[in-house]
């Protein structure tokens, strides 16, 4: 009742191939690979953006200020 033997997995693989076909399974594999690659590229871009944001600070100081609408200051 534990894990399946190699023969069980081969039968499952054959049934899946008969149901979906090799072309559809290949397309699904390519789509999954592209999604993983896009995710990794996005994570690299996030890491690079965080590094550049840290290096753009001037002397490590935080400058506080208030933004006002120009139309309210000219009355």
C-alpha atoms as a PDB file:
ATOM      1  CA  UNK A   1       0.000   0.000   0.000  1.00  0.00           C
ATOM      2  CA  UNK A   2       3.062   2.252   0.010  1.00  0.00           C
ATOM      3  CA  UNK A   3       4.639   3.673  -3.110  1.00  0.00           C
ATOM      4  CA  UNK A   4       3.863   2.468  -6.596  1.00  0.00           C
ATOM      5  CA  UNK A   5       6.256   0.244  -8.495  1.00  0.00           C
ATOM      6  CA  UNK A   6       7.899   1.191 -11.780  1.00  0.00           C
ATOM      7  CA  UNK A   7       5.249  -0.763 -13.696  1.00  0.00           C
ATOM      8  CA  UNK A   8       2.448   1.325 -12.216  1.00  0.00           C
ATOM      9  CA  UNK A   9       4.205   4.526 -13.278  1.00  0.00           C
ATOM     10  CA  UNK A  10       4.818   3.201 -16.805  1.00  0.00           C
ATOM     11  CA  UNK A  11       1.140   2.333 -17.192  1.00  0.00           C
ATOM     12  CA  UNK A  12       0.151   5.818 -15.976  1.00  0.00           C
ATOM     13  CA  UNK A  13       2.598   7.371 -18.446  1.00  0.00           C
ATOM     14  CA  UNK A  14       1.191   5.352 -21.349  1.00  0.00           C
ATOM     15  CA  UNK A  15      -2.382   6.305 -20.435  1.00  0.00           C
ATOM     16  CA  UNK A  16      -1.445  10.001 -20.222  1.00  0.00           C
ATOM     17  CA  UNK A  17       0.291   9.816 -23.611  1.00  0.00           C
ATOM     18  CA  UNK A  18      -2.756   8.149 -25.149  1.00  0.00           C
ATOM     19  CA  UNK A  19      -5.131  10.745 -23.717  1.00  0.00           C
ATOM     20  CA  UNK A  20      -3.191  13.942 -24.407  1.00  0.00           C
ATOM     21  CA  UNK A  21      -0.759  12.990 -27.160  1.00  0.00           C
ATOM     22  CA  UNK A  22       2.893  13.915 -27.401  1.00  0.00           C
ATOM     23  CA  UNK A  23       2.371  17.232 -29.197  1.00  0.00           C
ATOM     24  CA  UNK A  24       0.111  18.650 -26.504  1.00  0.00           C
ATOM     25  CA  UNK A  25       2.403  17.446 -23.727  1.00  0.00           C
ATOM     26  CA  UNK A  26       5.403  19.016 -25.481  1.00  0.00           C
ATOM     27  CA  UNK A  27       3.543  22.338 -25.738  1.00  0.00           C
ATOM     28  CA  UNK A  28       2.634  22.199 -22.054  1.00  0.00           C
ATOM     29  CA  UNK A  29       6.288  21.529 -21.210  1.00  0.00           C
ATOM     30  CA  UNK A  30       7.456  24.469 -23.300  1.00  0.00           C
ATOM     31  CA  UNK A  31       4.881  26.766 -21.705  1.00  0.00           C
ATOM     32  CA  UNK A  32       5.933  25.686 -18.226  1.00  0.00           C
ATOM     33  CA  UNK A  33       9.614  26.235 -19.097  1.00  0.00           C
ATOM     34  CA  UNK A  34       8.893  29.722 -20.431  1.00  0.00           C
ATOM     35  CA  UNK A  35       6.915  30.573 -17.305  1.00  0.00           C
ATOM     36  CA  UNK A  36       9.747  29.445 -15.021  1.00  0.00           C
ATOM     37  CA  UNK A  37      12.285  31.389 -17.089  1.00  0.00           C
ATOM     38  CA  UNK A  38      10.118  34.515 -16.939  1.00  0.00           C
ATOM     39  CA  UNK A  39       9.770  34.136 -13.179  1.00  0.00           C
ATOM     40  CA  UNK A  40      13.537  33.830 -12.741  1.00  0.00           C
ATOM     41  CA  UNK A  41      14.149  36.871 -14.956  1.00  0.00           C
ATOM     42  CA  UNK A  42      11.605  38.846 -12.938  1.00  0.00           C
ATOM     43  CA  UNK A  43      13.330  37.905  -9.697  1.00  0.00           C
ATOM     44  CA  UNK A  44      16.698  39.025 -11.125  1.00  0.00           C
ATOM     45  CA  UNK A  45      15.175  42.342 -12.249  1.00  0.00           C
ATOM     46  CA  UNK A  46      13.733  42.909  -8.772  1.00  0.00           C
ATOM     47  CA  UNK A  47      17.090  42.205  -7.154  1.00  0.00           C
ATOM     48  CA  UNK A  48      18.863  44.561  -9.580  1.00  0.00           C
ATOM     49  CA  UNK A  49      16.289  47.320  -8.997  1.00  0.00           C
ATOM     50  CA  UNK A  50      16.740  47.011  -5.234  1.00  0.00           C
ATOM     51  CA  UNK A  51      20.526  47.273  -5.586  1.00  0.00           C
ATOM     52  CA  UNK A  52      20.336  50.368  -7.799  1.00  0.00           C
ATOM     53  CA  UNK A  53      17.853  52.023  -5.448  1.00  0.00           C
ATOM     54  CA  UNK A  54      20.242  51.500  -2.553  1.00  0.00           C
ATOM     55  CA  UNK A  55      23.177  52.980  -4.440  1.00  0.00           C
ATOM     56  CA  UNK A  56      21.267  56.118  -5.453  1.00  0.00           C
ATOM     57  CA  UNK A  57      20.987  57.396  -1.912  1.00  0.00           C
ATOM     58  CA  UNK A  58      23.152  60.428  -1.252  1.00  0.00           C
ATOM     59  CA  UNK A  59      25.264  59.876   1.814  1.00  0.00           C
ATOM     60  CA  UNK A  60      22.705  57.493   3.292  1.00  0.00           C
ATOM     61  CA  UNK A  61      20.490  60.390   4.389  1.00  0.00           C
ATOM     62  CA  UNK A  62      16.742  60.507   4.159  1.00  0.00           C
ATOM     63  CA  UNK A  63      15.299  63.802   3.006  1.00  0.00           C
ATOM     64  CA  UNK A  64      11.782  64.486   4.167  1.00  0.00           C
ATOM     65  CA  UNK A  65       9.440  66.913   2.525  1.00  0.00           C
ATOM     66  CA  UNK A  66       5.859  67.688   1.687  1.00  0.00           C
ATOM     67  CA  UNK A  67       4.365  67.854  -1.772  1.00  0.00           C
ATOM     68  CA  UNK A  68       1.857  70.605  -2.356  1.00  0.00           C
ATOM     69  CA  UNK A  69      -0.370  71.227  -5.330  1.00  0.00           C
ATOM     70  CA  UNK A  70       0.731  74.326  -7.303  1.00  0.00           C
ATOM     71  CA  UNK A  71      -2.836  75.444  -7.868  1.00  0.00           C
ATOM     72  CA  UNK A  72      -3.426  75.765  -4.102  1.00  0.00           C
ATOM     73  CA  UNK A  73      -0.341  77.895  -3.440  1.00  0.00           C
ATOM     74  CA  UNK A  74      -1.245  80.572  -6.019  1.00  0.00           C
ATOM     75  CA  UNK A  75      -4.427  82.018  -4.700  1.00  0.00           C
END
